[in-house]
Amino acid sequence: MRRLSDATLGDLPPDVLRPGYDRAAVTAGVVHLGIGAFHRAHQAVAFEDAIAAGDPRWGVIGVSLRSPGVRDRMAEQDGLYSLVERDGSGERIRVIGAVQAVLVAPEDPAAVVAALAAPDTHLVTLTITEKGYKLRGGRLDADDPDVAHDLATLAAPRSAPGFLVAGLAARRAAGLPPFTALSCDNLPHNGRLLRDAVLALARAHDAGLAEWIARNGAFPQTMVDRIVPATTPADTDAVTARLGMADEALVKTEPFFQWVIEDRFCGPRPDFGTPGVQIADDVAPWEEAKLRLLNGAHSGIAYLGGLAGVEFVHEFVADAAGHRFVEALWRESIATLTPPAELDLDRYRADLMARFSNPALQHRTRQIAMDGSQKLPQRLLAPIMARRARGLPVDALALAVAAWMRSQSGIDDHGNGFIVDDPLAPMMAAALAGRSAPADQVDALLAIEPVFPPALAADAEVRAALIRHLTSLRDPGARATLEGVAPRPA
């Protein structure tokens, strides 16, 4: 069957929106590190809108830091792919043309550095997941093999901070200004963390380079929000039938779109016209609300649902006990927030529940469960510590953390495998070795400082809540434990 491409765009069904501009006239003003599904459903859409509005400077050079899979699928399609939005009212398909090329960093690191150093590059965006920043305790992890390599030489970078420093060094040498670097990952203070990692690596090579970056560069804080489930073979088959041609690079998502960006750029930026894009003086309150409400609930759903054998998010919240748990977690987390005036938390919660309830997304709990050790600190542990500082209980939040602890057993309540990817999996397995009692397991995991701050680990009330919940999650299990969650004051 024919593939989606520039040559076949004209043969798409009339109800499928497609690029109406001359793709050959577009220049690459953006380099994106981590060109997975989220970027293609989120930032690339904003750049597509900017191009469609008449500004051709915002084409995207995508970079895969690991495998060639996305590159191989998109290259055969001239960088085109379908964005499939689904909700209860149906499905809408739009073909996105902003991505001009995809580079694979391990194959040709010099090409990535050249793209970063190109005169037309004004923005570098990143969706590399929390672990991609190579941080330990909020600082660049010098013990990471990729970071250790880049600290020794930037001739062929391996880490995201290494590529950014190499690209910035090349720009400085060529007399070009730095680019604006926007982290679009779910890290609190993501811009500051990225800046600190880049400056630490730059300083190890050239103090003058680090000073130049600090003085002239920009690392805005950002908050991104759009649910992007993994694409399944059934999705691909359905879209192929709808288009009358194959699309091996499609992404599916929800209609909701939000991108809040700190107004801190060091060069040109698009005149963002996408609904949901907001330029703000302070992103932190938006970021905190999203991490603790949307992402925090997602993590609780992932582990409790996964243990109970619930496959999809919408199935979890459709159940009265699951719905009650999410509301209880939100009540606890909301008490830790200082929302901006524009954010109505009651409306935000209602909108989140409606999004979680969307059956068309087919958002799998196990997809969300990946990399839990990197996600828990900002999603669940931060609100726990904020509440404990005020002497408040943490029952629902502790249940979510205990479910993550229980998931380290590798099986769900039905005896099926429940193993998810996590960069600290070996460390956690070693900590749990030979420990079978819930109290011993809680103590072993609380001692892992890359996850749990010592002050939290030393909190007797938190420890007691975790032991109580872990005991219940083992017997009678996640489902029965959820049934016992009752409404209580925050």
Protein backbone atom coordinates (compact mmCIF):
# COMPACT_ATOMS: atom_id res chain seq x y z
CA MET A 1 0.00 0.00 0.00
CA ARG A 2 1.11 3.58 -0.67
CA ARG A 3 2.60 5.57 2.22
CA LEU A 4 1.72 9.07 3.35
CA SER A 5 4.21 11.43 1.70
CA ASP A 6 4.49 14.73 -0.14
CA ALA A 7 3.54 12.90 -3.33
CA THR A 8 0.33 11.46 -1.86
CA LEU A 9 -0.90 14.47 0.15
CA GLY A 10 -3.33 15.40 -2.61
CA ASP A 11 -4.99 11.99 -2.42
CA LEU A 12 -6.06 12.27 1.21
CA PRO A 13 -9.80 12.36 2.01
CA PRO A 14 -11.18 15.93 1.92
CA ASP A 15 -11.95 15.97 5.66
CA VAL A 16 -8.29 15.40 6.59
CA LEU A 17 -6.50 18.71 7.21
CA ARG A 18 -3.08 18.92 5.56
CA PRO A 19 -0.29 21.51 5.20
CA GLY A 20 -1.44 24.35 2.99
CA TYR A 21 1.98 25.98 2.72
CA ASP A 22 5.02 25.31 0.57
CA ARG A 23 7.12 22.89 2.63
CA ALA A 24 10.15 23.58 0.44
CA ALA A 25 10.13 27.22 1.60
CA VAL A 26 10.33 26.30 5.31
CA THR A 27 13.61 26.71 7.19
CA ALA A 28 14.56 24.82 10.34
CA GLY A 29 14.43 27.23 13.26
CA VAL A 30 13.93 24.49 15.85
CA VAL A 31 16.02 21.50 16.86
CA HIS A 32 14.09 19.07 19.03
CA LEU A 33 15.83 16.47 21.20
CA GLY A 34 13.70 13.39 21.87
CA ILE A 35 11.33 13.20 18.92
CA GLY A 36 8.85 10.74 20.34
CA ALA A 37 5.08 10.77 20.28
CA PHE A 38 4.68 13.58 22.81
CA HIS A 39 6.65 16.13 20.82
CA ARG A 40 4.80 15.24 17.63
CA ALA A 41 1.47 15.69 19.41
CA HIS A 42 2.47 18.86 21.22
CA GLN A 43 5.32 21.29 20.37
CA ALA A 44 5.41 20.29 16.68
CA VAL A 45 1.75 21.28 16.45
CA ALA A 46 2.52 24.79 17.73
CA PHE A 47 5.34 25.14 15.20
CA GLU A 48 3.04 23.81 12.46
CA ASP A 49 0.51 26.51 13.35
CA ALA A 50 3.21 29.19 13.23
CA ILE A 51 4.30 28.05 9.76
CA ALA A 52 0.70 27.84 8.56
CA ALA A 53 0.14 31.39 9.82
CA GLY A 54 2.80 32.64 7.41
CA ASP A 55 6.10 32.43 9.31
CA PRO A 56 8.23 29.75 7.59
CA ARG A 57 11.14 29.99 10.06
CA TRP A 58 9.87 27.29 12.41
CA GLY A 59 10.51 23.98 10.73
CA VAL A 60 11.81 21.26 13.05
CA ILE A 61 14.92 19.10 12.90
CA GLY A 62 14.11 16.18 15.17
CA VAL A 63 16.81 14.26 17.03
CA SER A 64 16.54 10.77 18.45
CA LEU A 65 19.09 10.31 21.22
CA ARG A 66 18.79 6.53 21.13
CA SER A 67 17.30 4.47 18.32
CA PRO A 68 16.55 5.05 14.62
CA GLY A 69 12.93 3.84 14.82
CA VAL A 70 11.18 7.20 14.50
CA ARG A 71 13.64 8.36 11.83
CA ASP A 72 13.08 5.23 9.77
CA ARG A 73 9.29 5.56 9.92
CA MET A 74 9.24 9.28 9.15
CA ALA A 75 11.93 9.31 6.44
CA GLU A 76 9.76 7.22 4.14
CA GLN A 77 6.97 9.75 4.62
CA ASP A 78 8.99 12.94 3.97
CA GLY A 79 8.58 13.78 7.67
CA LEU A 80 4.78 13.83 7.45
CA TYR A 81 2.56 12.14 10.01
CA SER A 82 -1.05 12.11 11.12
CA LEU A 83 -2.18 13.72 14.35
CA VAL A 84 -5.31 11.88 15.46
CA GLU A 85 -7.45 13.64 18.08
CA ARG A 86 -10.06 11.48 19.77
CA ASP A 87 -12.78 12.10 22.30
CA GLY A 88 -16.37 11.09 22.88
CA SER A 89 -17.59 13.09 19.88
CA GLY A 90 -15.38 11.31 17.37
CA GLU A 91 -12.05 11.54 15.62
CA ARG A 92 -10.26 14.33 13.77
CA ILE A 93 -7.14 13.82 11.67
CA ARG A 94 -4.60 16.46 10.71
CA VAL A 95 -1.36 15.86 8.79
CA ILE A 96 1.59 17.73 10.33
CA GLY A 97 4.40 18.93 8.04
CA ALA A 98 6.67 20.88 10.40
CA VAL A 99 9.26 18.12 10.83
CA GLN A 100 11.83 18.45 8.06
CA ALA A 101 14.29 15.72 9.05
CA VAL A 102 15.14 13.36 11.89
CA LEU A 103 18.73 12.73 12.99
CA VAL A 104 19.88 9.78 15.07
CA ALA A 105 22.48 11.01 17.54
CA PRO A 106 24.45 7.76 18.08
CA GLU A 107 24.81 7.33 14.31
CA ASP A 108 26.06 10.83 13.57
CA PRO A 109 26.64 13.08 16.59
CA ALA A 110 28.45 15.63 14.43
CA ALA A 111 25.28 16.17 12.38
CA VAL A 112 23.34 16.92 15.56
CA VAL A 113 25.95 19.44 16.71
CA ALA A 114 25.90 21.04 13.26
CA ALA A 115 22.12 21.41 13.42
CA LEU A 116 22.38 23.03 16.86
CA ALA A 117 25.06 25.39 15.55
CA ALA A 118 23.23 26.34 12.35
CA PRO A 119 22.53 30.09 11.97
CA ASP A 120 18.82 29.46 11.41
CA THR A 121 18.42 27.57 14.71
CA HIS A 122 16.77 29.80 17.29
CA LEU A 123 15.03 27.32 19.60
CA VAL A 124 16.02 23.95 21.03
CA THR A 125 13.20 22.03 22.67
CA LEU A 126 13.53 18.83 24.68
CA THR A 127 11.22 15.94 25.57
CA ILE A 128 13.74 13.41 26.81
CA THR A 129 11.85 12.25 29.96
CA GLU A 130 13.03 12.93 33.48
CA LYS A 131 15.92 10.47 33.27
CA GLY A 132 17.30 12.08 30.11
CA TYR A 133 18.69 15.06 32.01
CA LYS A 134 21.23 12.84 33.78
CA LEU A 135 20.59 14.43 37.16
CA ARG A 136 21.22 13.10 40.64
CA GLY A 137 19.89 15.15 43.51
CA GLY A 138 19.13 17.96 41.05
CA ARG A 139 22.72 18.13 39.79
CA LEU A 140 24.49 16.68 36.78
CA ASP A 141 25.34 13.07 37.55
CA ALA A 142 29.07 12.79 36.90
CA ASP A 143 28.90 9.03 37.51
CA ASP A 144 26.55 8.47 34.59
CA PRO A 145 28.57 6.86 31.76
CA ASP A 146 27.29 9.29 29.11
CA VAL A 147 27.98 12.30 31.30
CA ALA A 148 31.42 10.97 32.22
CA HIS A 149 32.18 10.66 28.51
CA ASP A 150 31.01 14.20 27.79
CA LEU A 151 32.96 15.59 30.73
CA ALA A 152 36.09 14.09 29.17
CA THR A 153 35.40 15.14 25.58
CA LEU A 154 32.71 16.79 23.50
CA ALA A 155 34.07 15.44 20.22
CA ALA A 156 31.08 13.08 19.92
CA PRO A 157 28.53 13.91 22.67
CA ARG A 158 26.30 11.24 24.16
CA SER A 159 24.05 13.10 26.60
CA ALA A 160 21.49 15.84 26.00
CA PRO A 161 23.47 18.36 28.10
CA GLY A 162 26.59 17.33 26.16
CA PHE A 163 24.95 18.03 22.82
CA LEU A 164 23.70 21.41 24.01
CA VAL A 165 27.14 22.45 25.27
CA ALA A 166 28.82 21.27 22.06
CA GLY A 167 26.29 23.15 19.96
CA LEU A 168 26.63 26.31 22.02
CA ALA A 169 30.43 26.10 21.87
CA ALA A 170 30.25 25.84 18.08
CA ARG A 171 27.93 28.85 17.93
CA ARG A 172 30.26 30.92 20.10
CA ALA A 173 33.24 29.97 17.94
CA ALA A 174 31.31 31.01 14.81
CA GLY A 175 30.28 34.36 16.29
CA LEU A 176 26.60 33.36 16.53
CA PRO A 177 24.32 34.09 19.49
CA PRO A 178 23.10 31.21 21.65
CA PHE A 179 19.75 29.56 21.12
CA THR A 180 16.88 29.48 23.61
CA ALA A 181 16.62 26.02 25.20
CA LEU A 182 13.17 24.92 26.39
CA SER A 183 12.79 21.82 28.51
CA CYS A 184 9.31 20.40 27.95
CA ASP A 185 9.55 17.56 30.48
CA ASN A 186 7.73 17.07 33.76
CA LEU A 187 10.48 18.36 36.01
CA PRO A 188 9.84 21.13 38.54
CA HIS A 189 11.88 24.19 37.60
CA ASN A 190 12.84 22.41 34.39
CA GLY A 191 14.48 25.46 32.86
CA ARG A 192 16.72 26.03 35.86
CA LEU A 193 17.69 22.37 36.05
CA LEU A 194 18.57 22.30 32.36
CA ARG A 195 20.56 25.53 32.69
CA ASP A 196 22.47 24.20 35.70
CA ALA A 197 23.31 20.93 33.93
CA VAL A 198 24.49 22.76 30.81
CA LEU A 199 26.59 25.25 32.78
CA ALA A 200 28.17 22.51 34.90
CA LEU A 201 29.22 20.60 31.80
CA ALA A 202 30.39 23.75 30.00
CA ARG A 203 32.40 24.84 33.03
CA ALA A 204 34.23 21.51 33.06
CA HIS A 205 35.54 22.32 29.58
CA ASP A 206 35.81 26.11 29.40
CA ALA A 207 34.97 28.63 32.10
CA GLY A 208 34.65 31.33 29.46
CA LEU A 209 32.08 29.29 27.54
CA ALA A 210 30.04 28.77 30.71
CA GLU A 211 30.13 32.50 31.42
CA TRP A 212 29.04 33.28 27.83
CA ILE A 213 26.10 30.86 28.09
CA ALA A 214 25.07 32.21 31.49
CA ARG A 215 25.20 35.81 30.27
CA ASN A 216 23.62 35.39 26.84
CA GLY A 217 21.60 32.18 26.81
CA ALA A 218 18.03 31.53 27.93
CA PHE A 219 16.42 28.51 29.56
CA PRO A 220 12.74 29.35 30.15
CA GLN A 221 10.59 27.37 32.52
CA THR A 222 7.77 25.59 30.71
CA MET A 223 4.73 23.50 31.50
CA VAL A 224 3.29 21.14 28.92
CA ASP A 225 0.03 19.23 29.09
CA ARG A 226 -1.51 16.83 26.62
CA ILE A 227 -2.29 13.15 27.11
CA VAL A 228 -0.56 11.10 24.42
CA PRO A 229 -1.14 7.35 24.71
CA ALA A 230 1.07 4.87 22.89
CA THR A 231 -0.01 4.10 19.33
CA THR A 232 -1.11 0.50 18.81
CA PRO A 233 -1.20 -1.64 15.65
CA ALA A 234 -4.99 -1.33 15.76
CA ASP A 235 -4.64 2.47 15.65
CA THR A 236 -2.35 2.23 12.64
CA ASP A 237 -4.71 -0.13 10.83
CA ALA A 238 -7.72 2.11 11.51
CA VAL A 239 -5.98 5.28 10.31
CA THR A 240 -4.63 3.49 7.23
CA ALA A 241 -8.19 2.52 6.32
CA ARG A 242 -9.41 6.06 6.92
CA LEU A 243 -6.63 7.71 4.87
CA GLY A 244 -6.50 5.15 2.08
CA MET A 245 -2.72 5.02 2.58
CA ALA A 246 -0.34 3.80 5.28
CA ASP A 247 1.01 6.08 8.02
CA GLU A 248 3.61 4.39 10.21
CA ALA A 249 4.38 7.53 12.22
CA LEU A 250 0.94 8.63 13.41
CA VAL A 251 0.28 9.78 16.97
CA LYS A 252 -3.02 9.87 18.82
CA THR A 253 -4.02 12.35 21.47
CA GLU A 254 -6.87 14.27 23.07
CA PRO A 255 -8.24 17.65 21.94
CA PHE A 256 -6.85 19.38 25.06
CA PHE A 257 -3.58 21.31 24.56
CA GLN A 258 -1.65 23.48 27.00
CA TRP A 259 1.86 24.96 26.88
CA VAL A 260 2.81 27.66 29.39
CA ILE A 261 6.20 29.25 28.62
CA GLU A 262 8.16 31.71 30.72
CA ASP A 263 8.73 34.96 28.86
CA ARG A 264 12.50 34.54 28.74
CA PHE A 265 13.97 34.19 25.23
CA CYS A 266 17.39 35.26 23.94
CA GLY A 267 16.43 35.46 20.27
CA PRO A 268 13.51 35.10 17.87
CA ARG A 269 10.46 33.06 18.81
CA PRO A 270 7.23 32.26 17.00
CA ASP A 271 4.17 34.39 17.44
CA PHE A 272 2.46 31.44 19.08
CA GLY A 273 -1.13 31.31 17.93
CA THR A 274 -2.09 27.79 18.99
CA PRO A 275 -4.98 27.82 21.48
CA GLY A 276 -3.55 26.76 24.83
CA VAL A 277 -0.13 28.38 24.40
CA GLN A 278 0.46 31.02 27.06
CA ILE A 279 3.52 33.24 27.60
CA ALA A 280 3.77 33.94 31.33
CA ASP A 281 6.00 35.80 33.76
CA ASP A 282 5.89 32.90 36.24
CA VAL A 283 5.32 29.29 35.19
CA ALA A 284 5.92 27.67 38.59
CA PRO A 285 2.32 27.76 39.88
CA TRP A 286 1.01 26.22 36.65
CA GLU A 287 3.77 23.63 36.68
CA GLU A 288 3.13 22.69 40.32
CA ALA A 289 -0.62 22.27 39.79
CA LYS A 290 -0.12 20.07 36.76
CA LEU A 291 2.57 17.90 38.36
CA ARG A 292 0.63 17.32 41.58
CA LEU A 293 -2.88 16.99 40.16
CA LEU A 294 -2.67 15.52 36.65
CA ASN A 295 0.67 13.71 36.93
CA GLY A 296 0.26 12.78 40.59
CA ALA A 297 -3.13 11.22 39.92
CA HIS A 298 -1.76 9.48 36.84
CA SER A 299 0.98 7.85 38.91
CA GLY A 300 -1.49 6.69 41.55
CA ILE A 301 -3.75 5.30 38.83
CA ALA A 302 -0.81 3.60 37.13
CA TYR A 303 0.34 1.61 40.16
CA LEU A 304 -2.98 0.93 41.87
CA GLY A 305 -4.65 0.17 38.55
CA GLY A 306 -1.74 -1.94 37.36
CA LEU A 307 -1.73 -4.00 40.56
CA ALA A 308 -5.50 -4.49 40.38
CA GLY A 309 -5.31 -5.58 36.73
CA VAL A 310 -7.01 -2.44 35.37
CA GLU A 311 -5.62 -1.85 31.87
CA PHE A 312 -6.82 1.66 31.02
CA VAL A 313 -7.10 4.98 32.85
CA HIS A 314 -10.74 5.49 31.85
CA GLU A 315 -11.63 2.10 33.36
CA PHE A 316 -9.98 3.05 36.64
CA VAL A 317 -11.91 6.32 37.09
CA ALA A 318 -15.17 4.75 35.85
CA ASP A 319 -15.05 2.53 38.93
CA ALA A 320 -16.48 4.22 42.03
CA ALA A 321 -13.53 3.21 44.21
CA GLY A 322 -10.98 4.46 41.68
CA HIS A 323 -12.86 7.72 41.23
CA ARG A 324 -13.01 8.17 45.00
CA PHE A 325 -9.26 7.58 45.33
CA VAL A 326 -8.41 10.21 42.70
CA GLU A 327 -10.63 12.78 44.40
CA ALA A 328 -9.04 11.98 47.77
CA LEU A 329 -5.54 12.41 46.34
CA TRP A 330 -6.54 15.72 44.77
CA ARG A 331 -7.97 17.02 48.04
CA GLU A 332 -4.65 16.36 49.73
CA SER A 333 -2.51 17.84 46.93
CA ILE A 334 -4.65 20.95 46.40
CA ALA A 335 -3.89 22.07 49.93
CA THR A 336 -0.22 22.39 48.91
CA LEU A 337 -0.80 24.63 45.88
CA THR A 338 -0.71 28.39 45.33
CA PRO A 339 -2.51 28.55 41.97
CA PRO A 340 -2.35 31.57 39.67
CA ALA A 341 -5.44 33.74 39.61
CA GLU A 342 -6.33 32.44 36.14
CA LEU A 343 -6.49 28.82 37.35
CA ASP A 344 -9.84 27.74 38.81
CA LEU A 345 -8.91 24.55 40.66
CA ASP A 346 -12.48 23.25 40.85
CA ARG A 347 -12.85 23.62 37.09
CA TYR A 348 -9.38 22.18 36.55
CA ARG A 349 -10.26 19.06 38.56
CA ALA A 350 -13.51 18.61 36.67
CA ASP A 351 -11.70 18.97 33.35
CA LEU A 352 -9.02 16.49 34.42
CA MET A 353 -11.60 13.91 35.40
CA ALA A 354 -13.33 14.36 32.05
CA ARG A 355 -9.99 13.84 30.30
CA PHE A 356 -9.19 10.76 32.36
CA SER A 357 -12.65 9.41 31.50
CA ASN A 358 -12.12 9.65 27.72
CA PRO A 359 -12.44 6.02 26.50
CA ALA A 360 -11.29 6.89 23.00
CA LEU A 361 -7.71 7.47 24.18
CA GLN A 362 -7.12 3.93 25.47
CA HIS A 363 -4.40 5.24 27.80
CA ARG A 364 -2.71 2.24 29.41
CA THR A 365 -1.80 2.30 33.09
CA ARG A 366 1.47 0.48 32.40
CA GLN A 367 2.60 3.17 29.98
CA ILE A 368 2.33 5.74 32.77
CA ALA A 369 4.08 3.45 35.28
CA MET A 370 7.46 3.63 33.51
CA ASP A 371 10.37 5.42 35.24
CA GLY A 372 8.55 5.76 38.54
CA SER A 373 11.68 6.51 40.56
CA GLN A 374 12.19 9.62 38.40
CA LYS A 375 8.57 10.77 38.62
CA LEU A 376 7.53 10.21 42.23
CA PRO A 377 9.61 13.02 43.80
CA GLN A 378 7.81 15.84 41.99
CA ARG A 379 4.40 14.20 41.62
CA LEU A 380 3.80 12.62 45.04
CA LEU A 381 6.70 13.18 47.43
CA ALA A 382 6.71 16.98 47.06
CA PRO A 383 3.07 17.34 48.17
CA ILE A 384 3.67 14.80 50.95
CA MET A 385 6.52 16.91 52.30
CA ALA A 386 4.50 20.11 51.95
CA ARG A 387 1.63 18.62 53.94
CA ARG A 388 3.87 17.14 56.60
CA ALA A 389 5.56 20.52 57.08
CA ARG A 390 2.11 21.75 58.12
CA GLY A 391 1.31 18.69 60.24
CA LEU A 392 -1.31 17.38 57.81
CA PRO A 393 -2.04 13.70 57.10
CA VAL A 394 -1.05 12.09 53.81
CA ASP A 395 -3.28 9.04 53.52
CA ALA A 396 -4.14 9.04 49.79
CA LEU A 397 -0.71 10.28 48.72
CA ALA A 398 0.96 7.61 50.84
CA LEU A 399 -1.28 4.96 49.28
CA ALA A 400 -0.06 5.96 45.82
CA VAL A 401 3.57 5.72 46.95
CA ALA A 402 2.93 2.38 48.66
CA ALA A 403 1.45 1.10 45.41
CA TRP A 404 4.69 2.02 43.65
CA MET A 405 6.58 0.16 46.36
CA ARG A 406 4.33 -2.86 45.93
CA SER A 407 4.90 -2.78 42.16
CA GLN A 408 8.59 -3.53 42.80
CA SER A 409 7.53 -7.13 43.49
CA GLY A 410 7.10 -7.49 39.72
CA ILE A 411 3.65 -9.13 39.88
CA ASP A 412 0.09 -7.87 40.10
CA ASP A 413 -2.67 -9.13 42.37
CA HIS A 414 -3.56 -11.86 39.89
CA GLY A 415 -0.06 -13.31 39.72
CA ASN A 416 0.67 -11.77 36.34
CA GLY A 417 3.93 -9.98 35.58
CA PHE A 418 3.94 -6.27 36.42
CA ILE A 419 7.45 -5.22 35.46
CA VAL A 420 8.00 -1.67 34.18
CA ASP A 421 11.16 0.05 32.98
CA ASP A 422 12.99 2.12 35.56
CA PRO A 423 16.61 3.32 35.55
CA LEU A 424 16.94 2.54 39.28
CA ALA A 425 15.47 -0.96 39.02
CA PRO A 426 18.77 -2.71 39.91
CA MET A 427 19.25 -0.45 42.94
CA MET A 428 15.72 -1.11 44.17
CA ALA A 429 15.99 -4.86 43.59
CA ALA A 430 19.23 -4.96 45.59
CA ALA A 431 17.63 -2.97 48.41
CA LEU A 432 14.68 -5.37 48.61
CA ALA A 433 16.71 -8.57 48.37
CA GLY A 434 15.99 -10.84 51.31
CA ARG A 435 13.33 -8.53 52.76
CA SER A 436 9.77 -9.84 52.90
CA ALA A 437 8.09 -7.96 55.76
CA PRO A 438 6.29 -4.75 54.71
CA ALA A 439 8.14 -2.68 57.33
CA ASP A 440 11.50 -3.95 56.11
CA GLN A 441 10.61 -3.25 52.48
CA VAL A 442 9.44 0.27 53.28
CA ASP A 443 12.63 1.00 55.20
CA ALA A 444 14.79 -0.38 52.38
CA LEU A 445 13.13 1.77 49.74
CA LEU A 446 12.98 4.90 51.92
CA ALA A 447 16.76 4.63 52.24
CA ILE A 448 17.23 5.19 48.49
CA GLU A 449 18.17 8.88 48.55
CA PRO A 450 17.88 9.51 44.79
CA VAL A 451 14.15 8.96 45.34
CA PHE A 452 13.36 9.81 48.97
CA PRO A 453 14.79 12.89 50.72
CA PRO A 454 16.21 11.99 54.16
CA ALA A 455 13.73 14.28 55.93
CA LEU A 456 10.82 12.41 54.41
CA ALA A 457 12.40 9.02 55.12
CA ALA A 458 12.76 10.03 58.77
CA ASP A 459 9.09 11.03 59.13
CA ALA A 460 7.51 8.44 61.43
CA GLU A 461 3.96 9.21 60.34
CA VAL A 462 4.80 8.82 56.65
CA ARG A 463 6.62 5.56 57.38
CA ALA A 464 3.65 4.23 59.36
CA ALA A 465 1.21 5.12 56.58
CA LEU A 466 3.38 3.43 53.96
CA ILE A 467 3.70 0.25 56.05
CA ARG A 468 -0.06 0.16 56.66
CA HIS A 469 -0.87 0.61 52.98
CA LEU A 470 1.80 -1.80 51.75
CA THR A 471 0.50 -4.43 54.14
CA SER A 472 -3.02 -3.97 52.78
CA LEU A 473 -1.84 -3.96 49.15
CA ARG A 474 -0.21 -7.34 49.73
CA ASP A 475 -3.30 -8.78 51.40
CA PRO A 476 -6.19 -8.27 50.65
CA GLY A 477 -4.76 -6.49 47.56
CA ALA A 478 -5.13 -3.31 45.55
CA ARG A 479 -8.78 -3.69 44.68
CA ALA A 480 -9.87 -4.23 48.28
CA THR A 481 -7.59 -1.44 49.47
CA LEU A 482 -9.18 0.96 47.00
CA GLU A 483 -12.63 -0.05 48.21
CA GLY A 484 -11.58 1.11 51.66
CA VAL A 485 -10.70 4.64 50.55
CA ALA A 486 -13.29 6.93 52.06
CA PRO A 487 -13.82 10.67 51.67
CA ARG A 488 -12.05 12.60 54.40
CA PRO A 489 -11.06 16.22 55.02
CA ALA A 490 -7.91 17.43 53.31
